[in-house]
N, C-alpha and C. Protein backbone atom coordinates (compact mmCIF):
# COMPACT_ATOMS: atom_id res chain seq x y z
N MET A 1 306.37 -63.95 50.68
CA MET A 1 306.15 -64.76 51.86
C MET A 1 306.83 -64.15 53.08
N GLN A 2 308.06 -63.65 52.92
CA GLN A 2 308.75 -63.05 54.06
C GLN A 2 308.04 -61.83 54.57
N ALA A 3 307.41 -61.07 53.68
CA ALA A 3 306.65 -59.89 54.11
C ALA A 3 305.47 -60.31 54.99
N GLU A 4 304.82 -61.41 54.62
CA GLU A 4 303.70 -61.88 55.42
C GLU A 4 304.17 -62.39 56.78
N ILE A 5 305.30 -63.10 56.79
CA ILE A 5 305.88 -63.57 58.06
C ILE A 5 306.19 -62.38 58.95
N HIS A 6 306.83 -61.37 58.38
CA HIS A 6 307.19 -60.17 59.13
C HIS A 6 305.93 -59.49 59.68
N SER A 7 304.89 -59.39 58.87
CA SER A 7 303.64 -58.75 59.28
C SER A 7 303.00 -59.50 60.45
N ILE A 8 302.94 -60.83 60.38
CA ILE A 8 302.35 -61.61 61.47
C ILE A 8 303.14 -61.43 62.75
N LEU A 9 304.46 -61.47 62.66
CA LEU A 9 305.29 -61.31 63.85
C LEU A 9 305.12 -59.91 64.45
N GLU A 10 305.00 -58.90 63.61
CA GLU A 10 304.77 -57.53 64.10
C GLU A 10 303.41 -57.41 64.78
N GLN A 11 302.38 -58.04 64.20
CA GLN A 11 301.04 -58.02 64.82
C GLN A 11 301.08 -58.68 66.20
N THR A 12 301.76 -59.81 66.26
CA THR A 12 301.85 -60.54 67.53
C THR A 12 302.61 -59.72 68.57
N ALA A 13 303.71 -59.10 68.17
CA ALA A 13 304.48 -58.28 69.10
C ALA A 13 303.67 -57.09 69.59
N ALA A 14 302.95 -56.43 68.70
CA ALA A 14 302.12 -55.29 69.08
C ALA A 14 301.01 -55.71 70.05
N LEU A 15 300.40 -56.86 69.78
CA LEU A 15 299.34 -57.33 70.66
C LEU A 15 299.89 -57.66 72.04
N HIS A 16 301.05 -58.27 72.10
CA HIS A 16 301.64 -58.59 73.40
C HIS A 16 301.99 -57.31 74.16
N ARG A 17 302.43 -56.27 73.48
CA ARG A 17 302.67 -54.99 74.15
C ARG A 17 301.36 -54.43 74.69
N ALA A 18 300.27 -54.58 73.94
CA ALA A 18 298.96 -54.08 74.37
C ALA A 18 298.44 -54.84 75.58
N LEU A 19 298.89 -56.08 75.79
CA LEU A 19 298.44 -56.86 76.93
C LEU A 19 298.85 -56.24 78.26
N ALA A 20 299.83 -55.36 78.24
CA ALA A 20 300.22 -54.67 79.48
C ALA A 20 299.02 -53.93 80.07
N GLY A 21 298.11 -53.51 79.22
CA GLY A 21 296.89 -52.85 79.69
C GLY A 21 295.93 -53.81 80.39
N GLN A 22 296.20 -55.10 80.34
CA GLN A 22 295.37 -56.10 80.98
C GLN A 22 296.01 -56.63 82.28
N ALA A 23 297.06 -55.96 82.75
CA ALA A 23 297.77 -56.45 83.94
C ALA A 23 296.85 -56.56 85.16
N GLU A 24 295.97 -55.59 85.35
CA GLU A 24 295.07 -55.62 86.50
C GLU A 24 294.10 -56.81 86.41
N ALA A 25 293.57 -57.06 85.23
CA ALA A 25 292.65 -58.20 85.04
C ALA A 25 293.39 -59.52 85.25
N ILE A 26 294.61 -59.62 84.74
CA ILE A 26 295.40 -60.84 84.94
C ILE A 26 295.67 -61.05 86.42
N GLU A 27 296.00 -59.99 87.14
CA GLU A 27 296.25 -60.10 88.57
C GLU A 27 294.99 -60.58 89.31
N ARG A 28 293.81 -60.09 88.93
CA ARG A 28 292.57 -60.55 89.56
C ARG A 28 292.36 -62.04 89.35
N VAL A 29 292.63 -62.52 88.13
CA VAL A 29 292.52 -63.95 87.85
C VAL A 29 293.48 -64.73 88.75
N VAL A 30 294.73 -64.31 88.80
CA VAL A 30 295.74 -64.98 89.62
C VAL A 30 295.31 -65.01 91.08
N ARG A 31 294.84 -63.89 91.61
CA ARG A 31 294.45 -63.83 93.02
C ARG A 31 293.27 -64.76 93.34
N LEU A 32 292.28 -64.79 92.46
CA LEU A 32 291.15 -65.69 92.69
C LEU A 32 291.60 -67.15 92.70
N ILE A 33 292.46 -67.52 91.75
CA ILE A 33 292.95 -68.91 91.69
C ILE A 33 293.81 -69.22 92.90
N ALA A 34 294.78 -68.36 93.20
CA ALA A 34 295.70 -68.63 94.32
C ALA A 34 294.96 -68.66 95.64
N ASP A 35 294.04 -67.72 95.85
CA ASP A 35 293.29 -67.70 97.11
C ASP A 35 292.44 -68.97 97.27
N ALA A 36 291.81 -69.41 96.19
CA ALA A 36 291.00 -70.62 96.25
C ALA A 36 291.87 -71.83 96.57
N MET A 37 292.99 -71.95 95.89
CA MET A 37 293.87 -73.10 96.13
C MET A 37 294.46 -73.07 97.53
N ALA A 38 294.79 -71.89 98.03
CA ALA A 38 295.33 -71.77 99.38
C ALA A 38 294.32 -72.22 100.42
N ALA A 39 293.03 -72.07 100.11
CA ALA A 39 291.96 -72.46 101.03
C ALA A 39 291.46 -73.88 100.78
N GLY A 40 292.14 -74.63 99.91
CA GLY A 40 291.77 -76.02 99.65
C GLY A 40 290.89 -76.23 98.43
N GLY A 41 290.65 -75.19 97.66
CA GLY A 41 289.85 -75.32 96.45
C GLY A 41 290.68 -75.73 95.25
N ALA A 42 289.99 -75.93 94.14
CA ALA A 42 290.63 -76.36 92.90
C ALA A 42 290.20 -75.46 91.75
N LEU A 43 290.96 -75.52 90.68
CA LEU A 43 290.64 -74.81 89.44
C LEU A 43 290.16 -75.83 88.42
N TYR A 44 289.02 -75.56 87.81
CA TYR A 44 288.47 -76.35 86.71
C TYR A 44 288.48 -75.46 85.48
N VAL A 45 289.02 -75.97 84.37
CA VAL A 45 289.22 -75.12 83.19
C VAL A 45 288.69 -75.82 81.94
N MET A 46 288.15 -75.02 81.01
CA MET A 46 287.52 -75.61 79.82
C MET A 46 287.61 -74.66 78.64
N GLY A 47 287.46 -75.23 77.45
CA GLY A 47 287.40 -74.48 76.20
C GLY A 47 287.21 -75.46 75.07
N ASN A 48 287.02 -74.95 73.88
CA ASN A 48 286.80 -75.78 72.69
C ASN A 48 287.98 -75.62 71.73
N GLY A 49 288.30 -76.68 71.00
CA GLY A 49 289.34 -76.60 69.98
C GLY A 49 290.68 -76.20 70.56
N GLY A 50 291.28 -75.15 70.00
CA GLY A 50 292.56 -74.66 70.51
C GLY A 50 292.47 -74.24 71.96
N SER A 51 291.31 -73.74 72.37
CA SER A 51 291.12 -73.35 73.78
C SER A 51 291.07 -74.58 74.69
N ALA A 52 290.61 -75.71 74.16
CA ALA A 52 290.67 -76.96 74.92
C ALA A 52 292.13 -77.35 75.15
N ALA A 53 292.94 -77.19 74.12
CA ALA A 53 294.37 -77.47 74.26
C ALA A 53 295.00 -76.53 75.29
N ASP A 54 294.58 -75.28 75.29
CA ASP A 54 295.08 -74.32 76.29
C ASP A 54 294.67 -74.73 77.69
N ALA A 55 293.43 -75.22 77.85
CA ALA A 55 292.96 -75.68 79.16
C ALA A 55 293.84 -76.83 79.66
N GLN A 56 294.14 -77.76 78.78
CA GLN A 56 294.97 -78.90 79.14
C GLN A 56 296.40 -78.46 79.45
N HIS A 57 296.90 -77.50 78.70
CA HIS A 57 298.24 -76.96 78.94
C HIS A 57 298.31 -76.35 80.34
N LEU A 58 297.32 -75.54 80.69
CA LEU A 58 297.28 -74.91 82.01
C LEU A 58 297.25 -75.97 83.11
N ALA A 59 296.39 -76.98 82.96
CA ALA A 59 296.31 -78.03 83.97
C ALA A 59 297.64 -78.78 84.09
N GLY A 60 298.26 -79.06 82.97
CA GLY A 60 299.54 -79.76 83.00
C GLY A 60 300.61 -78.99 83.74
N GLU A 61 300.66 -77.68 83.54
CA GLU A 61 301.67 -76.84 84.20
C GLU A 61 301.43 -76.75 85.70
N LEU A 62 300.15 -76.69 86.11
CA LEU A 62 299.86 -76.55 87.54
C LEU A 62 299.95 -77.88 88.29
N VAL A 63 299.48 -78.96 87.69
CA VAL A 63 299.57 -80.26 88.35
C VAL A 63 301.02 -80.76 88.32
N GLY A 64 301.69 -80.53 87.20
CA GLY A 64 303.10 -80.90 87.10
C GLY A 64 303.96 -79.86 87.79
N ARG A 65 304.66 -79.11 86.98
CA ARG A 65 305.42 -77.96 87.50
C ARG A 65 305.60 -76.97 86.37
N PHE A 66 305.76 -75.73 86.72
CA PHE A 66 306.00 -74.71 85.71
C PHE A 66 307.46 -74.28 85.76
N GLU A 67 307.85 -73.53 86.76
CA GLU A 67 309.24 -73.06 86.84
C GLU A 67 309.98 -73.53 88.09
N MET A 68 309.29 -74.19 88.99
CA MET A 68 309.96 -74.61 90.23
C MET A 68 309.45 -75.98 90.67
N GLU A 69 310.32 -76.66 91.43
CA GLU A 69 309.89 -77.90 92.08
C GLU A 69 308.96 -77.50 93.22
N ARG A 70 307.79 -78.12 93.26
CA ARG A 70 306.81 -77.80 94.29
C ARG A 70 305.75 -78.87 94.29
N ARG A 71 304.84 -78.76 95.25
CA ARG A 71 303.73 -79.71 95.33
C ARG A 71 302.82 -79.52 94.11
N PRO A 72 302.09 -80.53 93.71
CA PRO A 72 301.14 -80.36 92.61
C PRO A 72 299.99 -79.46 93.05
N LEU A 73 299.52 -78.63 92.15
CA LEU A 73 298.41 -77.72 92.43
C LEU A 73 297.14 -78.27 91.78
N PRO A 74 296.01 -78.19 92.49
CA PRO A 74 294.79 -78.84 92.02
C PRO A 74 294.12 -78.11 90.85
N CYS A 75 294.25 -78.70 89.69
CA CYS A 75 293.67 -78.14 88.46
C CYS A 75 293.22 -79.28 87.56
N VAL A 76 291.98 -79.18 87.06
CA VAL A 76 291.41 -80.21 86.21
C VAL A 76 290.93 -79.56 84.91
N ALA A 77 291.38 -80.10 83.79
CA ALA A 77 290.86 -79.68 82.48
C ALA A 77 289.61 -80.51 82.19
N LEU A 78 288.49 -79.85 82.01
CA LEU A 78 287.22 -80.53 81.74
C LEU A 78 287.10 -80.97 80.29
N THR A 79 288.19 -80.91 79.57
CA THR A 79 288.21 -81.21 78.13
C THR A 79 288.82 -82.56 77.81
N THR A 80 289.16 -83.35 78.83
CA THR A 80 290.01 -84.50 78.58
C THR A 80 289.34 -85.86 78.67
N ASP A 81 288.21 -85.97 79.32
CA ASP A 81 287.57 -87.28 79.50
C ASP A 81 286.64 -87.54 78.32
N THR A 82 287.14 -88.25 77.32
CA THR A 82 286.37 -88.46 76.09
C THR A 82 285.09 -89.25 76.33
N SER A 83 285.09 -90.14 77.29
CA SER A 83 283.87 -90.90 77.58
C SER A 83 282.79 -89.98 78.12
N VAL A 84 283.15 -89.10 79.05
CA VAL A 84 282.18 -88.13 79.57
C VAL A 84 281.74 -87.18 78.48
N LEU A 85 282.69 -86.62 77.74
CA LEU A 85 282.36 -85.64 76.70
C LEU A 85 281.41 -86.23 75.66
N THR A 86 281.71 -87.43 75.20
CA THR A 86 280.87 -88.01 74.14
C THR A 86 279.54 -88.51 74.67
N ALA A 87 279.51 -89.02 75.89
CA ALA A 87 278.24 -89.47 76.46
C ALA A 87 277.30 -88.28 76.68
N VAL A 88 277.84 -87.22 77.25
CA VAL A 88 277.00 -86.04 77.50
C VAL A 88 276.57 -85.41 76.18
N ALA A 89 277.48 -85.28 75.23
CA ALA A 89 277.12 -84.71 73.93
C ALA A 89 276.04 -85.55 73.25
N ASN A 90 276.13 -86.86 73.36
CA ASN A 90 275.15 -87.75 72.73
C ASN A 90 273.80 -87.68 73.44
N ASP A 91 273.82 -87.71 74.77
CA ASP A 91 272.58 -87.78 75.54
C ASP A 91 271.91 -86.44 75.79
N TYR A 92 272.71 -85.36 75.89
CA TYR A 92 272.16 -84.06 76.24
C TYR A 92 272.43 -82.98 75.20
N GLY A 93 273.52 -83.12 74.45
CA GLY A 93 273.93 -82.11 73.48
C GLY A 93 275.27 -81.50 73.87
N VAL A 94 275.99 -81.04 72.89
CA VAL A 94 277.33 -80.49 73.12
C VAL A 94 277.29 -79.26 74.02
N GLU A 95 276.15 -78.58 74.08
CA GLU A 95 276.03 -77.39 74.93
C GLU A 95 276.19 -77.74 76.41
N ASP A 96 275.99 -79.01 76.77
CA ASP A 96 276.04 -79.41 78.17
C ASP A 96 277.30 -80.18 78.57
N VAL A 97 278.28 -80.31 77.69
CA VAL A 97 279.45 -81.14 78.02
C VAL A 97 280.24 -80.61 79.21
N PHE A 98 280.30 -79.31 79.37
CA PHE A 98 281.00 -78.75 80.53
C PHE A 98 280.04 -78.52 81.70
N LEU A 99 278.82 -78.16 81.41
CA LEU A 99 277.80 -77.94 82.43
C LEU A 99 277.64 -79.16 83.33
N ARG A 100 277.50 -80.33 82.74
CA ARG A 100 277.30 -81.55 83.54
C ARG A 100 278.52 -81.82 84.43
N GLN A 101 279.71 -81.56 83.92
CA GLN A 101 280.91 -81.77 84.73
C GLN A 101 280.98 -80.77 85.87
N VAL A 102 280.61 -79.53 85.61
CA VAL A 102 280.58 -78.53 86.68
C VAL A 102 279.59 -78.97 87.76
N ARG A 103 278.41 -79.43 87.34
CA ARG A 103 277.43 -79.91 88.33
C ARG A 103 277.98 -81.06 89.16
N ALA A 104 278.75 -81.94 88.54
CA ALA A 104 279.27 -83.12 89.24
C ALA A 104 280.45 -82.80 90.15
N LEU A 105 281.26 -81.81 89.80
CA LEU A 105 282.54 -81.63 90.46
C LEU A 105 282.71 -80.34 91.26
N VAL A 106 282.12 -79.27 90.82
CA VAL A 106 282.45 -77.94 91.35
C VAL A 106 281.61 -77.61 92.58
N ARG A 107 282.27 -77.05 93.58
CA ARG A 107 281.65 -76.62 94.83
C ARG A 107 282.12 -75.22 95.19
N ARG A 108 281.44 -74.62 96.16
CA ARG A 108 281.88 -73.33 96.71
C ARG A 108 283.36 -73.44 97.07
N GLY A 109 284.12 -72.42 96.78
CA GLY A 109 285.54 -72.43 97.08
C GLY A 109 286.40 -72.83 95.90
N ASN A 110 285.79 -73.33 94.84
CA ASN A 110 286.52 -73.66 93.62
C ASN A 110 286.50 -72.46 92.68
N VAL A 111 287.31 -72.55 91.63
CA VAL A 111 287.33 -71.56 90.55
C VAL A 111 287.08 -72.30 89.24
N VAL A 112 286.24 -71.74 88.41
CA VAL A 112 285.99 -72.29 87.08
C VAL A 112 286.46 -71.27 86.05
N MET A 113 287.33 -71.72 85.15
CA MET A 113 287.86 -70.85 84.09
C MET A 113 287.34 -71.28 82.74
N GLY A 114 286.79 -70.35 82.00
CA GLY A 114 286.41 -70.57 80.62
C GLY A 114 287.39 -69.89 79.69
N ILE A 115 287.74 -70.57 78.61
CA ILE A 115 288.61 -70.00 77.59
C ILE A 115 287.85 -70.03 76.28
N SER A 116 287.66 -68.87 75.67
CA SER A 116 286.94 -68.77 74.41
C SER A 116 287.43 -67.53 73.67
N THR A 117 287.89 -67.71 72.45
CA THR A 117 288.42 -66.55 71.72
C THR A 117 287.34 -65.51 71.42
N SER A 118 286.10 -65.94 71.34
CA SER A 118 285.00 -65.00 71.06
C SER A 118 284.23 -64.61 72.32
N GLY A 119 284.31 -65.43 73.36
CA GLY A 119 283.49 -65.21 74.54
C GLY A 119 282.05 -65.67 74.35
N ARG A 120 281.79 -66.32 73.22
CA ARG A 120 280.43 -66.71 72.87
C ARG A 120 280.20 -68.22 72.81
N SER A 121 281.11 -69.01 73.30
CA SER A 121 280.96 -70.47 73.26
C SER A 121 279.84 -70.88 74.20
N ALA A 122 278.76 -71.39 73.65
CA ALA A 122 277.57 -71.71 74.45
C ALA A 122 277.88 -72.70 75.56
N ASN A 123 278.66 -73.73 75.27
CA ASN A 123 278.93 -74.73 76.31
C ASN A 123 279.80 -74.18 77.43
N VAL A 124 280.72 -73.30 77.10
CA VAL A 124 281.55 -72.65 78.12
C VAL A 124 280.70 -71.72 78.97
N ASN A 125 279.89 -70.90 78.32
CA ASN A 125 279.08 -69.92 79.06
C ASN A 125 278.02 -70.59 79.93
N ARG A 126 277.44 -71.68 79.46
CA ARG A 126 276.46 -72.40 80.30
C ARG A 126 277.14 -72.96 81.55
N ALA A 127 278.35 -73.44 81.40
CA ALA A 127 279.08 -73.98 82.55
C ALA A 127 279.48 -72.86 83.52
N LEU A 128 279.86 -71.69 82.99
CA LEU A 128 280.17 -70.56 83.86
C LEU A 128 278.94 -70.12 84.65
N GLU A 129 277.78 -70.11 84.01
CA GLU A 129 276.53 -69.79 84.71
C GLU A 129 276.29 -70.77 85.85
N GLU A 130 276.49 -72.05 85.58
CA GLU A 130 276.29 -73.08 86.61
C GLU A 130 277.30 -72.92 87.74
N ALA A 131 278.53 -72.59 87.40
CA ALA A 131 279.55 -72.38 88.44
C ALA A 131 279.14 -71.24 89.37
N ARG A 132 278.58 -70.19 88.80
CA ARG A 132 278.10 -69.08 89.63
C ARG A 132 276.98 -69.54 90.55
N ARG A 133 276.06 -70.36 90.04
CA ARG A 133 274.98 -70.87 90.87
C ARG A 133 275.53 -71.70 92.03
N ARG A 134 276.67 -72.30 91.83
CA ARG A 134 277.30 -73.13 92.87
C ARG A 134 278.23 -72.33 93.76
N ALA A 135 278.25 -71.01 93.59
CA ALA A 135 279.06 -70.10 94.40
C ALA A 135 280.57 -70.31 94.21
N ALA A 136 280.95 -70.80 93.03
CA ALA A 136 282.37 -70.87 92.68
C ALA A 136 282.75 -69.55 92.03
N ALA A 137 284.01 -69.18 92.14
CA ALA A 137 284.50 -68.00 91.43
C ALA A 137 284.61 -68.36 89.95
N THR A 138 284.38 -67.39 89.08
CA THR A 138 284.47 -67.62 87.63
C THR A 138 285.47 -66.65 87.03
N VAL A 139 286.35 -67.19 86.20
CA VAL A 139 287.34 -66.37 85.52
C VAL A 139 287.38 -66.79 84.06
N GLY A 140 287.93 -65.93 83.22
CA GLY A 140 287.96 -66.29 81.81
C GLY A 140 289.04 -65.59 81.03
N LEU A 141 289.34 -66.21 79.89
CA LEU A 141 290.19 -65.63 78.86
C LEU A 141 289.35 -65.56 77.61
N SER A 142 289.25 -64.37 77.02
CA SER A 142 288.47 -64.21 75.79
C SER A 142 289.21 -63.27 74.86
N GLY A 143 288.55 -62.92 73.79
CA GLY A 143 289.06 -61.94 72.84
C GLY A 143 287.90 -61.12 72.32
N ARG A 144 288.18 -60.38 71.27
CA ARG A 144 287.16 -59.52 70.66
C ARG A 144 286.54 -58.63 71.73
N ASP A 145 285.21 -58.65 71.89
CA ASP A 145 284.56 -57.81 72.91
C ASP A 145 284.21 -58.59 74.17
N GLY A 146 284.65 -59.85 74.27
CA GLY A 146 284.40 -60.67 75.44
C GLY A 146 283.10 -61.45 75.39
N GLY A 147 282.20 -61.08 74.49
CA GLY A 147 280.94 -61.80 74.35
C GLY A 147 280.21 -61.95 75.66
N GLY A 148 279.50 -63.06 75.81
CA GLY A 148 278.72 -63.33 77.01
C GLY A 148 279.56 -63.56 78.25
N MET A 149 280.85 -63.82 78.08
CA MET A 149 281.71 -64.07 79.24
C MET A 149 281.86 -62.84 80.11
N VAL A 150 281.69 -61.66 79.54
CA VAL A 150 281.84 -60.42 80.32
C VAL A 150 280.92 -60.45 81.54
N ALA A 151 279.68 -60.86 81.34
CA ALA A 151 278.70 -60.87 82.43
C ALA A 151 278.81 -62.10 83.32
N LEU A 152 279.61 -63.08 82.94
CA LEU A 152 279.66 -64.35 83.66
C LEU A 152 280.93 -64.55 84.48
N CYS A 153 281.90 -63.66 84.34
CA CYS A 153 283.19 -63.85 84.99
C CYS A 153 283.45 -62.81 86.07
N ASP A 154 283.93 -63.29 87.21
CA ASP A 154 284.37 -62.38 88.27
C ASP A 154 285.64 -61.65 87.85
N ALA A 155 286.43 -62.27 87.01
CA ALA A 155 287.62 -61.66 86.44
C ALA A 155 287.79 -62.19 85.03
N LEU A 156 287.93 -61.29 84.07
CA LEU A 156 288.04 -61.68 82.66
C LEU A 156 289.18 -60.91 82.02
N VAL A 157 290.05 -61.65 81.33
CA VAL A 157 291.10 -61.03 80.52
C VAL A 157 290.64 -61.12 79.07
N CYS A 158 290.35 -59.97 78.51
CA CYS A 158 289.84 -59.90 77.14
C CYS A 158 290.95 -59.36 76.23
N VAL A 159 291.47 -60.22 75.38
CA VAL A 159 292.56 -59.85 74.48
C VAL A 159 292.02 -58.88 73.42
N PRO A 160 292.63 -57.72 73.26
CA PRO A 160 292.13 -56.72 72.33
C PRO A 160 292.49 -57.03 70.87
N ALA A 161 291.88 -58.09 70.34
CA ALA A 161 292.14 -58.50 68.96
C ALA A 161 290.91 -59.20 68.41
N ASP A 162 290.85 -59.31 67.09
CA ASP A 162 289.73 -59.97 66.43
C ASP A 162 290.13 -61.28 65.74
N GLU A 163 291.40 -61.48 65.47
CA GLU A 163 291.86 -62.67 64.76
C GLU A 163 292.13 -63.81 65.74
N THR A 164 291.47 -64.94 65.53
CA THR A 164 291.59 -66.08 66.43
C THR A 164 293.05 -66.49 66.67
N PRO A 165 293.90 -66.62 65.64
CA PRO A 165 295.28 -67.04 65.93
C PRO A 165 296.02 -66.07 66.85
N ARG A 166 295.82 -64.77 66.69
CA ARG A 166 296.50 -63.80 67.55
C ARG A 166 295.94 -63.89 68.97
N ILE A 167 294.63 -64.07 69.12
CA ILE A 167 294.03 -64.21 70.45
C ILE A 167 294.59 -65.44 71.14
N GLN A 168 294.68 -66.56 70.41
CA GLN A 168 295.21 -67.79 71.01
C GLN A 168 296.66 -67.63 71.43
N GLU A 169 297.46 -66.93 70.63
CA GLU A 169 298.86 -66.68 71.01
C GLU A 169 298.93 -65.87 72.30
N ALA A 170 298.07 -64.88 72.41
CA ALA A 170 298.03 -64.07 73.63
C ALA A 170 297.56 -64.91 74.82
N HIS A 171 296.57 -65.76 74.61
CA HIS A 171 296.09 -66.62 75.69
C HIS A 171 297.22 -67.50 76.22
N GLN A 172 298.06 -68.01 75.34
CA GLN A 172 299.17 -68.85 75.80
C GLN A 172 300.13 -68.06 76.67
N THR A 173 300.40 -66.82 76.30
CA THR A 173 301.27 -65.97 77.12
C THR A 173 300.63 -65.69 78.47
N ILE A 174 299.33 -65.37 78.46
CA ILE A 174 298.61 -65.10 79.71
C ILE A 174 298.61 -66.34 80.60
N ILE A 175 298.41 -67.51 80.02
CA ILE A 175 298.44 -68.75 80.80
C ILE A 175 299.80 -68.93 81.46
N HIS A 176 300.87 -68.64 80.76
CA HIS A 176 302.20 -68.75 81.37
C HIS A 176 302.38 -67.75 82.50
N ILE A 177 301.85 -66.55 82.35
CA ILE A 177 301.92 -65.56 83.43
C ILE A 177 301.13 -66.06 84.64
N ILE A 178 299.92 -66.58 84.40
CA ILE A 178 299.10 -67.11 85.49
C ILE A 178 299.85 -68.24 86.20
N CYS A 179 300.41 -69.17 85.45
CA CYS A 179 301.14 -70.28 86.06
C CYS A 179 302.29 -69.79 86.93
N ARG A 180 303.06 -68.86 86.40
CA ARG A 180 304.21 -68.35 87.14
C ARG A 180 303.77 -67.70 88.45
N LEU A 181 302.75 -66.84 88.38
CA LEU A 181 302.35 -66.09 89.56
C LEU A 181 301.60 -66.94 90.57
N VAL A 182 300.76 -67.86 90.12
CA VAL A 182 300.07 -68.77 91.05
C VAL A 182 301.11 -69.64 91.76
N GLU A 183 302.05 -70.16 91.00
CA GLU A 183 303.11 -70.99 91.57
C GLU A 183 303.87 -70.21 92.65
N ARG A 184 304.25 -68.99 92.34
CA ARG A 184 305.01 -68.19 93.30
C ARG A 184 304.17 -67.80 94.52
N GLU A 185 302.90 -67.46 94.30
CA GLU A 185 302.02 -67.09 95.41
C GLU A 185 301.86 -68.24 96.39
N LEU A 186 301.71 -69.45 95.86
CA LEU A 186 301.41 -70.60 96.71
C LEU A 186 302.65 -71.33 97.22
N CYS A 187 303.74 -71.26 96.48
CA CYS A 187 304.88 -72.10 96.79
C CYS A 187 306.18 -71.33 96.99
N GLY A 188 306.11 -70.00 97.02
CA GLY A 188 307.30 -69.19 97.22
C GLY A 188 308.13 -69.10 95.96
N GLY A 189 309.24 -68.43 96.07
CA GLY A 189 310.14 -68.35 94.92
C GLY A 189 310.28 -67.03 94.34
């Protein structure tokens, strides 16, 4: 058992070292979010399963606080309204749960972020397509080869891994980097 624990921790450490190669992509994501918020826009974020939890985590850090006392930053997780999610899934299908919310809420000057470990989540990708039609910036966190998100995001951080748990661990680190840098860009520090 200890050998397996050691192996997982080594894989995670190696992957985090490899993320240094994604610094430029992470910076592009941060700049799009910070620039939009500075101009009065908001960030809308979505994902499924663990990625939904990551979306909520990101929103909580930006609306609340991350490392400094500051004004709340406009961020909405599209994964939290169970009445909307279940009504849309029932009436239109799960593929449209984020799409309908993007249509209702997102405007030019906003940023829409998709989080998907494979980059192939149909409901996330459909919403990113709609965000582009609405002239919102699109950003994403993915893994593997990025899937369909590659063509749908103005800035995409693609974690160089194939195992979902390792990709999710990297996404959490990237989310913390985004929170820190957006907070500092907008609120000093």
